Amino acid sequence: MEVDKPVVGLQFRCDKIPGAAFPKTRLQVWFVWVCSGVLLWTCLVQFAAVGELWHPKFLNKLSNGPSYPLPLVTEDSVQSPLPLIPARNYTSNGFLIVSCNGGLNQMRAAICDMVTIARLLNLTLVVPELDKKSFWADPSNFEDIFNVKHFINSLRNEVRIIKKLPKRFNRKSGYQPLEMRPVSWSNEKYYLDQILPLFNKHKVLHFNKTDARLANNGLPLELQKLRCRVNFQALKFTPQLEALGYKLVRILQAKGPFLALHLRYEMDMLAFSGCTHGCTKEEAEELKNMRYSFPSWREKVIVSEERRSQGLCPLTPEETALVLQALGFSKATPIYIASGEIYGSERRLASLRAAFPRTVKKEMLLDPEELKQFHNHSSQMAALDFMVSIESNNFIPTYNGNMAKLVEGHRR
């Protein structure tokens, strides 16, 4: 009987309320909930879009998941959250072709310079050509490493960038651009006074060397800002490279805090620098012969002991192990070697592995099929190392080269 009393009371109260009132109240509540849900979802989507522009890692840090979500793997499927920025309207003084030289990070720094020079002189920049004749003999083009669509669109309000020269200026049409190497470490006055007038006559200039062609210091703040914008925003790796790089990061993060070690002890580095400490006589001779085989490497006669005493040699793997121990890293520290093939291979890595058994390389973490497409593409391999180095808990270079400087900038 007590169970029936609330039912009777409910029937009595309903008799006193107009018949349509109760369903209307439920409908209103339902409507408010639906509208609130839609509004909340819209706000979250907008917040995510703005958050990605403001700081691409901010939203990821709000969760306990990996640092990166799995990125899309096709360039055509990448959608910009905002419309294209308005293109800068200016009269172009000519076309600038650039052929970058060196490894990935040296070319990356050069691209930042070339965009800045094109902006200073009001030029149209052709998408840079990458080095294919260096020691690495990497056949990769710009679009194989960097997202060319993003590169062009993200700099629309600064400089006009095209993929190819107009046909009338094409070499196939018989047009010969002026080939030259700008003077290294030049300031804006050099380019305005000596380079810009050349475009009045030739219209197309080809810079066939791009390393260190722009001064680091003393430039106007706006030019330095543009140089940084190219490096930190415009030069974005392809979706395919990012997908594999992020996978490496997730694998390493799953093992706990890890250290990225840029062990710059590759054959080209030792031959170029003349540093042969710890090498056999046969290896030292091999490195010397290699140095003489590259005419662009101007310094030929090098005394290894003198170079080492000047602090100009990379740390050996054995020295690196001692330094890491002195810095307090434990034997259980996971270490990722961010570099190419170590000269002397596993024989030279024995001391490092003995001190830090959890030392790995990308070849140990990824399936051979995943890396197959990158064989003989050292710059693409270096891009993977670059991404891991930026996201590591600790980054330690054994030589203060281009990679070390660029990673330091990104981590800052």
Protein backbone atom coordinates (compact mmCIF):
# COMPACT_ATOMS: atom_id res chain seq x y z
CA MET A 1 0.00 0.00 0.00
CA GLU A 2 2.84 2.44 0.77
CA VAL A 3 4.22 1.90 -2.69
CA ASP A 4 0.95 3.04 -4.24
CA LYS A 5 0.75 6.36 -2.35
CA PRO A 6 3.28 8.32 -4.45
CA VAL A 7 1.45 7.14 -7.58
CA VAL A 8 -1.88 8.39 -6.26
CA GLY A 9 -0.28 11.71 -5.25
CA LEU A 10 1.26 12.02 -8.70
CA GLN A 11 -2.10 11.40 -10.38
CA PHE A 12 -3.77 14.03 -8.18
CA ARG A 13 -1.13 16.70 -8.95
CA CYS A 14 -1.28 15.97 -12.65
CA ASP A 15 -5.01 16.55 -12.57
CA LYS A 16 -4.35 20.10 -11.33
CA ILE A 17 -1.78 20.91 -14.13
CA PRO A 18 -2.92 21.50 -17.72
CA GLY A 19 -2.46 18.35 -19.77
CA ALA A 20 0.17 19.81 -22.17
CA ALA A 21 2.45 21.26 -19.43
CA PHE A 22 4.32 18.08 -18.50
CA PRO A 23 5.35 16.97 -22.04
CA LYS A 24 6.31 20.59 -22.84
CA THR A 25 8.65 20.73 -19.83
CA ARG A 26 10.37 17.51 -20.88
CA LEU A 27 10.72 18.81 -24.43
CA GLN A 28 12.27 22.04 -23.17
CA VAL A 29 14.78 20.17 -21.00
CA TRP A 30 15.68 17.91 -23.92
CA PHE A 31 16.06 20.91 -26.24
CA VAL A 32 18.33 22.73 -23.77
CA TRP A 33 20.54 19.65 -23.39
CA VAL A 34 20.87 19.22 -27.17
CA CYS A 35 21.70 22.91 -27.72
CA SER A 36 24.21 22.85 -24.87
CA GLY A 37 25.91 19.77 -26.32
CA VAL A 38 26.16 21.33 -29.78
CA LEU A 39 27.51 24.57 -28.33
CA LEU A 40 30.05 22.73 -26.19
CA TRP A 41 31.23 20.62 -29.13
CA THR A 42 31.58 23.71 -31.33
CA CYS A 43 33.63 25.45 -28.66
CA LEU A 44 35.92 22.44 -28.31
CA VAL A 45 36.49 22.25 -32.07
CA GLN A 46 37.28 25.98 -32.25
CA PHE A 47 39.53 25.73 -29.20
CA ALA A 48 41.40 22.82 -30.79
CA ALA A 49 41.94 24.76 -34.02
CA VAL A 50 43.17 27.86 -32.22
CA GLY A 51 45.26 25.74 -29.87
CA GLU A 52 47.03 24.02 -32.75
CA LEU A 53 47.93 27.39 -34.24
CA TRP A 54 49.02 28.86 -30.94
CA HIS A 55 51.02 25.88 -29.76
CA PRO A 56 50.69 22.55 -31.60
CA LYS A 57 51.61 20.50 -28.54
CA PHE A 58 49.43 22.31 -26.01
CA LEU A 59 46.36 20.12 -26.34
CA ASN A 60 48.40 16.94 -26.34
CA LYS A 61 49.82 17.85 -22.94
CA LEU A 62 46.33 18.01 -21.48
CA SER A 63 46.01 14.25 -21.85
CA ASN A 64 48.06 11.38 -20.57
CA GLY A 65 48.45 9.92 -24.03
CA PRO A 66 51.48 10.05 -26.36
CA SER A 67 52.98 13.42 -27.19
CA TYR A 68 51.69 13.16 -30.75
CA PRO A 69 48.48 11.83 -32.24
CA LEU A 70 48.98 9.68 -35.32
CA PRO A 71 49.29 12.19 -38.18
CA LEU A 72 47.61 11.82 -41.55
CA VAL A 73 49.78 10.01 -44.05
CA THR A 74 48.84 11.68 -47.32
CA GLU A 75 49.59 15.26 -48.22
CA ASP A 76 46.28 15.70 -50.05
CA SER A 77 44.36 14.80 -46.92
CA VAL A 78 45.98 17.54 -44.81
CA GLN A 79 43.44 20.29 -44.26
CA SER A 80 44.37 23.78 -43.10
CA PRO A 81 42.22 24.88 -40.14
CA LEU A 82 42.15 28.45 -41.46
CA PRO A 83 41.95 30.03 -44.93
CA LEU A 84 45.16 30.93 -46.71
CA ILE A 85 46.87 34.07 -45.48
CA PRO A 86 46.66 36.94 -47.98
CA ALA A 87 49.49 36.92 -50.49
CA ARG A 88 51.90 39.85 -50.42
CA ASN A 89 51.40 42.08 -53.43
CA TYR A 90 54.71 43.26 -54.91
CA THR A 91 56.48 43.64 -58.25
CA SER A 92 59.08 40.91 -58.55
CA ASN A 93 62.57 42.01 -59.55
CA GLY A 94 63.45 38.57 -60.93
CA PHE A 95 63.70 34.86 -60.18
CA LEU A 96 66.10 33.28 -57.71
CA ILE A 97 67.18 29.64 -58.13
CA VAL A 98 69.15 28.09 -55.27
CA SER A 99 71.04 24.80 -55.07
CA CYS A 100 71.64 23.92 -51.44
CA ASN A 101 74.79 22.05 -50.47
CA GLY A 102 75.65 19.84 -47.52
CA GLY A 103 73.62 17.61 -45.24
CA LEU A 104 70.00 18.05 -44.24
CA ASN A 105 70.55 20.56 -41.44
CA GLN A 106 73.07 22.63 -43.38
CA MET A 107 70.58 22.82 -46.26
CA ARG A 108 67.79 23.70 -43.84
CA ALA A 109 69.73 26.68 -42.50
CA ALA A 110 70.55 27.74 -46.06
CA ILE A 111 66.88 27.67 -47.09
CA CYS A 112 66.10 30.06 -44.24
CA ASP A 113 68.75 32.42 -45.62
CA MET A 114 67.55 32.16 -49.22
CA VAL A 115 63.93 32.96 -48.35
CA THR A 116 65.14 35.98 -46.37
CA ILE A 117 67.28 37.20 -49.28
CA ALA A 118 64.37 36.78 -51.71
CA ARG A 119 62.18 38.86 -49.39
CA LEU A 120 64.83 41.56 -49.01
CA LEU A 121 65.31 41.93 -52.79
CA ASN A 122 61.62 41.44 -53.76
CA LEU A 123 62.36 38.32 -55.80
CA THR A 124 60.36 35.26 -56.79
CA LEU A 125 61.97 32.18 -55.25
CA VAL A 126 61.96 28.82 -57.00
CA VAL A 127 61.55 25.86 -54.61
CA PRO A 128 65.15 25.06 -53.56
CA GLU A 129 67.13 22.24 -55.11
CA LEU A 130 68.79 19.86 -52.65
CA ASP A 131 72.35 18.54 -52.78
CA LYS A 132 72.69 15.25 -54.69
CA LYS A 133 76.46 15.26 -55.27
CA SER A 134 77.85 15.35 -51.73
CA PHE A 135 79.30 12.44 -49.78
CA TRP A 136 75.80 11.15 -48.99
CA ALA A 137 74.67 11.13 -52.66
CA ASP A 138 71.06 11.45 -51.57
CA PRO A 139 68.70 11.70 -54.59
CA SER A 140 65.90 13.27 -52.50
CA ASN A 141 64.17 16.38 -53.80
CA PHE A 142 62.69 19.14 -51.65
CA GLU A 143 59.20 17.63 -51.84
CA ASP A 144 60.54 14.24 -50.68
CA ILE A 145 61.57 15.75 -47.34
CA PHE A 146 59.53 18.91 -46.79
CA ASN A 147 55.84 19.64 -47.25
CA VAL A 148 56.19 21.87 -50.30
CA LYS A 149 52.56 23.00 -50.29
CA HIS A 150 52.83 24.14 -46.68
CA PHE A 151 56.17 25.81 -47.42
CA ILE A 152 54.70 27.91 -50.23
CA ASN A 153 51.42 28.77 -48.53
CA SER A 154 52.84 29.61 -45.10
CA LEU A 155 55.12 32.27 -46.61
CA ARG A 156 52.61 33.79 -49.04
CA ASN A 157 52.53 37.08 -47.17
CA GLU A 158 56.33 37.43 -47.35
CA VAL A 159 57.65 36.08 -50.64
CA ARG A 160 56.31 34.51 -53.82
CA ILE A 161 57.53 30.91 -54.19
CA ILE A 162 57.00 28.82 -57.32
CA LYS A 163 57.77 25.18 -58.09
CA LYS A 164 59.25 25.82 -61.55
CA LEU A 165 60.50 28.71 -63.61
CA PRO A 166 58.22 30.10 -66.33
CA LYS A 167 58.91 28.36 -69.65
CA ARG A 168 60.53 31.42 -71.22
CA PHE A 169 63.27 31.27 -68.56
CA ASN A 170 63.67 27.50 -68.66
CA ARG A 171 67.04 26.01 -69.52
CA LYS A 172 65.30 23.77 -72.03
CA SER A 173 64.23 26.90 -73.86
CA GLY A 174 67.86 27.96 -74.15
CA TYR A 175 67.83 30.54 -71.38
CA GLN A 176 70.98 30.54 -69.25
CA PRO A 177 70.68 32.09 -65.77
CA LEU A 178 73.67 33.79 -64.20
CA GLU A 179 75.52 31.20 -62.08
CA MET A 180 77.28 32.51 -58.99
CA ARG A 181 78.21 31.95 -55.36
CA PRO A 182 77.36 34.86 -53.07
CA VAL A 183 80.10 35.96 -50.70
CA SER A 184 79.80 34.13 -47.38
CA TRP A 185 78.57 35.91 -44.25
CA SER A 186 77.34 38.94 -46.21
CA ASN A 187 74.92 41.50 -44.77
CA GLU A 188 71.88 43.09 -46.41
CA LYS A 189 73.98 45.92 -47.90
CA TYR A 190 75.95 43.44 -50.03
CA TYR A 191 72.77 41.96 -51.48
CA LEU A 192 71.12 45.34 -52.09
CA ASP A 193 74.18 46.99 -53.63
CA GLN A 194 75.83 44.13 -55.53
CA ILE A 195 73.28 41.36 -56.13
CA LEU A 196 70.06 43.26 -56.82
CA PRO A 197 71.48 45.22 -59.82
CA LEU A 198 72.36 41.91 -61.50
CA PHE A 199 68.66 41.09 -61.85
CA ASN A 200 68.12 44.13 -64.08
CA LYS A 201 70.28 42.44 -66.71
CA HIS A 202 69.82 38.71 -66.12
CA LYS A 203 66.33 38.39 -64.55
CA VAL A 204 67.29 34.92 -63.29
CA LEU A 205 70.17 34.19 -60.90
CA HIS A 206 71.27 30.77 -59.75
CA PHE A 207 73.04 30.56 -56.38
CA ASN A 208 74.92 27.27 -56.71
CA LYS A 209 76.28 27.43 -53.15
CA THR A 210 74.08 28.47 -50.24
CA ASP A 211 75.87 27.55 -47.02
CA ALA A 212 76.53 30.49 -44.67
CA ARG A 213 75.78 33.10 -47.33
CA LEU A 214 73.97 35.46 -44.95
CA ALA A 215 75.42 37.09 -41.84
CA ASN A 216 74.22 35.75 -38.50
CA ASN A 217 74.45 39.03 -36.62
CA GLY A 218 73.87 42.70 -37.36
CA LEU A 219 70.86 42.13 -39.62
CA PRO A 220 67.61 44.09 -39.17
CA LEU A 221 65.24 42.45 -36.71
CA GLU A 222 62.59 41.84 -39.40
CA LEU A 223 65.01 39.77 -41.46
CA GLN A 224 66.01 37.71 -38.42
CA LYS A 225 62.35 37.15 -37.60
CA LEU A 226 61.69 35.87 -41.12
CA ARG A 227 64.68 33.57 -40.95
CA CYS A 228 63.27 32.08 -37.73
CA ARG A 229 59.77 31.84 -39.16
CA VAL A 230 61.05 29.76 -42.08
CA ASN A 231 62.96 27.44 -39.75
CA PHE A 232 60.32 26.95 -37.07
CA GLN A 233 57.09 27.16 -39.08
CA ALA A 234 57.49 26.91 -42.85
CA LEU A 235 59.89 23.95 -43.07
CA LYS A 236 57.56 21.14 -42.12
CA PHE A 237 58.41 17.53 -42.95
CA THR A 238 56.19 15.50 -45.27
CA PRO A 239 53.25 13.62 -43.69
CA GLN A 240 54.98 10.30 -44.47
CA LEU A 241 58.14 11.32 -42.62
CA GLU A 242 56.16 12.78 -39.73
CA ALA A 243 54.10 9.61 -39.37
CA LEU A 244 57.21 7.45 -38.98
CA GLY A 245 59.01 10.01 -36.82
CA TYR A 246 56.05 10.25 -34.45
CA LYS A 247 55.92 6.46 -34.29
CA LEU A 248 59.55 6.38 -33.18
CA VAL A 249 58.78 8.98 -30.52
CA ARG A 250 55.84 6.97 -29.20
CA ILE A 251 57.88 3.75 -29.04
CA LEU A 252 60.61 5.50 -27.07
CA GLN A 253 58.21 7.36 -24.77
CA ALA A 254 56.55 4.06 -23.89
CA LYS A 255 59.86 2.97 -22.35
CA GLY A 256 59.99 6.05 -20.11
CA PRO A 257 62.16 9.20 -20.23
CA PHE A 258 64.85 8.80 -22.89
CA LEU A 259 67.99 10.55 -24.09
CA ALA A 260 68.70 11.39 -27.75
CA LEU A 261 72.42 11.21 -28.46
CA HIS A 262 73.68 12.87 -31.63
CA LEU A 263 76.81 10.76 -31.92
CA ARG A 264 78.58 12.61 -34.74
CA TYR A 265 81.14 9.89 -35.37
CA GLU A 266 80.38 9.10 -38.98
CA MET A 267 82.93 8.60 -41.75
CA ASP A 268 82.32 11.94 -43.46
CA MET A 269 82.73 13.89 -40.22
CA LEU A 270 86.02 12.22 -39.34
CA ALA A 271 87.42 12.59 -42.85
CA PHE A 272 86.41 16.26 -43.09
CA SER A 273 87.71 17.20 -39.64
CA GLY A 274 90.83 15.03 -39.80
CA CYS A 275 90.06 13.58 -36.35
CA THR A 276 91.34 10.00 -36.20
CA HIS A 277 91.76 9.45 -32.44
CA GLY A 278 91.03 5.82 -31.64
CA CYS A 279 91.19 4.72 -35.28
CA THR A 280 93.59 2.13 -36.65
CA LYS A 281 96.35 3.15 -39.08
CA GLU A 282 94.36 1.64 -41.92
CA GLU A 283 91.25 3.61 -40.91
CA ALA A 284 93.23 6.85 -40.61
CA GLU A 285 94.60 6.32 -44.12
CA GLU A 286 91.13 5.60 -45.45
CA LEU A 287 89.80 8.82 -43.94
CA LYS A 288 92.72 10.80 -45.37
CA ASN A 289 92.13 9.40 -48.86
CA MET A 290 88.48 10.29 -48.62
CA ARG A 291 89.33 13.88 -47.67
CA TYR A 292 91.57 14.24 -50.72
CA SER A 293 88.88 12.79 -52.98
CA PHE A 294 86.52 15.72 -52.35
CA PRO A 295 87.89 18.89 -54.01
CA SER A 296 85.31 21.05 -52.20
CA TRP A 297 86.90 20.10 -48.86
CA ARG A 298 89.63 22.73 -48.96
CA GLU A 299 91.67 21.65 -45.93
CA LYS A 300 93.72 18.57 -46.80
CA VAL A 301 96.75 18.40 -44.51
CA ILE A 302 95.46 18.00 -40.97
CA VAL A 303 97.31 16.87 -37.85
CA SER A 304 94.73 14.97 -35.80
CA GLU A 305 96.42 15.60 -32.44
CA GLU A 306 96.52 19.37 -32.99
CA ARG A 307 92.90 19.47 -34.08
CA ARG A 308 91.91 17.47 -31.04
CA SER A 309 93.87 19.69 -28.64
CA GLN A 310 91.98 22.69 -30.05
CA GLY A 311 88.68 21.07 -29.09
CA LEU A 312 87.55 20.78 -32.71
CA CYS A 313 86.99 17.02 -32.82
CA PRO A 314 83.73 15.19 -32.05
CA LEU A 315 83.69 13.00 -28.97
CA THR A 316 84.48 9.35 -29.61
CA PRO A 317 81.90 6.75 -28.54
CA GLU A 318 84.21 5.76 -25.67
CA GLU A 319 84.52 9.37 -24.48
CA THR A 320 80.79 9.83 -24.81
CA ALA A 321 80.14 6.94 -22.42
CA LEU A 322 82.41 8.55 -19.81
CA VAL A 323 80.74 11.95 -20.21
CA LEU A 324 77.24 10.50 -19.79
CA GLN A 325 78.31 8.65 -16.66
CA ALA A 326 79.91 11.83 -15.28
CA LEU A 327 76.66 13.70 -15.92
CA GLY A 328 74.84 11.21 -13.72
CA PHE A 329 72.89 9.16 -16.25
CA SER A 330 72.24 5.69 -14.89
CA LYS A 331 72.92 2.41 -16.64
CA ALA A 332 69.17 1.98 -17.13
CA THR A 333 68.81 5.17 -19.20
CA PRO A 334 67.26 4.49 -22.64
CA ILE A 335 69.50 6.12 -25.26
CA TYR A 336 68.55 6.72 -28.88
CA ILE A 337 71.49 7.22 -31.24
CA ALA A 338 70.50 9.99 -33.63
CA SER A 339 73.08 9.64 -36.39
CA GLY A 340 74.10 7.68 -39.44
CA GLU A 341 76.40 4.68 -39.55
CA ILE A 342 79.05 4.95 -36.84
CA TYR A 343 82.57 4.62 -38.23
CA GLY A 344 83.95 1.33 -36.98
CA SER A 345 80.39 0.09 -36.49
CA GLU A 346 79.61 -2.06 -33.44
CA ARG A 347 83.29 -2.37 -32.50
CA ARG A 348 83.39 1.34 -31.66
CA LEU A 349 80.01 1.19 -29.90
CA ALA A 350 81.03 -1.64 -27.55
CA SER A 351 82.09 0.65 -24.66
CA LEU A 352 78.95 2.76 -24.95
CA ARG A 353 76.68 -0.28 -25.02
CA ALA A 354 78.49 -1.82 -22.04
CA ALA A 355 77.91 1.35 -20.01
CA PHE A 356 74.35 1.86 -21.29
CA PRO A 357 72.79 -1.44 -22.41
CA ARG A 358 69.52 0.23 -23.43
CA THR A 359 71.14 2.02 -26.36
CA VAL A 360 69.11 1.70 -29.56
CA LYS A 361 68.98 2.98 -33.12
CA LYS A 362 65.97 3.43 -35.40
CA GLU A 363 66.89 0.19 -37.19
CA MET A 364 66.29 -1.65 -33.90
CA LEU A 365 62.88 -0.05 -33.28
CA LEU A 366 61.22 -0.13 -36.68
CA ASP A 367 60.38 -2.95 -39.04
CA PRO A 368 62.89 -3.26 -41.92
CA GLU A 369 60.04 -2.76 -44.38
CA GLU A 370 59.23 0.61 -42.81
CA LEU A 371 62.79 1.82 -43.37
CA LYS A 372 63.24 0.22 -46.78
CA GLN A 373 61.92 3.28 -48.60
CA PHE A 374 64.56 5.44 -46.89
CA HIS A 375 67.62 3.39 -47.81
CA ASN A 376 70.19 5.54 -49.62
CA HIS A 377 68.21 8.62 -48.55
CA SER A 378 70.36 9.94 -45.73
CA SER A 379 68.53 13.27 -45.49
CA GLN A 380 65.21 11.52 -44.90
CA MET A 381 66.85 9.34 -42.26
CA ALA A 382 68.27 12.50 -40.67
CA ALA A 383 64.75 13.98 -40.61
CA LEU A 384 63.59 11.05 -38.44
CA ASP A 385 66.50 11.63 -36.05
CA PHE A 386 65.68 15.34 -35.97
CA MET A 387 62.09 14.70 -34.85
CA VAL A 388 63.16 12.26 -32.14
CA SER A 389 65.85 14.65 -30.89
CA ILE A 390 63.37 17.49 -30.51
CA GLU A 391 60.96 15.37 -28.47
CA SER A 392 63.51 13.57 -26.29
CA ASN A 393 63.68 14.24 -22.57
CA ASN A 394 67.39 15.00 -22.93
CA PHE A 395 69.40 15.84 -26.02
CA ILE A 396 73.20 15.62 -26.04
CA PRO A 397 75.32 16.32 -29.14
CA THR A 398 78.93 15.20 -29.32
CA TYR A 399 79.82 17.94 -31.82
CA ASN A 400 78.58 21.51 -32.10
CA GLY A 401 77.46 21.30 -35.72
CA ASN A 402 74.35 22.24 -37.69
CA MET A 403 72.20 19.49 -36.21
CA ALA A 404 73.09 20.45 -32.64
CA LYS A 405 72.34 24.13 -33.22
CA LEU A 406 69.04 23.59 -35.01
CA VAL A 407 67.74 21.07 -32.48
CA GLU A 408 68.71 23.42 -29.66
CA GLY A 409 66.69 26.20 -31.30
CA HIS A 410 63.61 24.02 -31.71
CA ARG A 411 63.82 22.73 -28.14
CA ARG A 412 64.06 26.31 -26.84
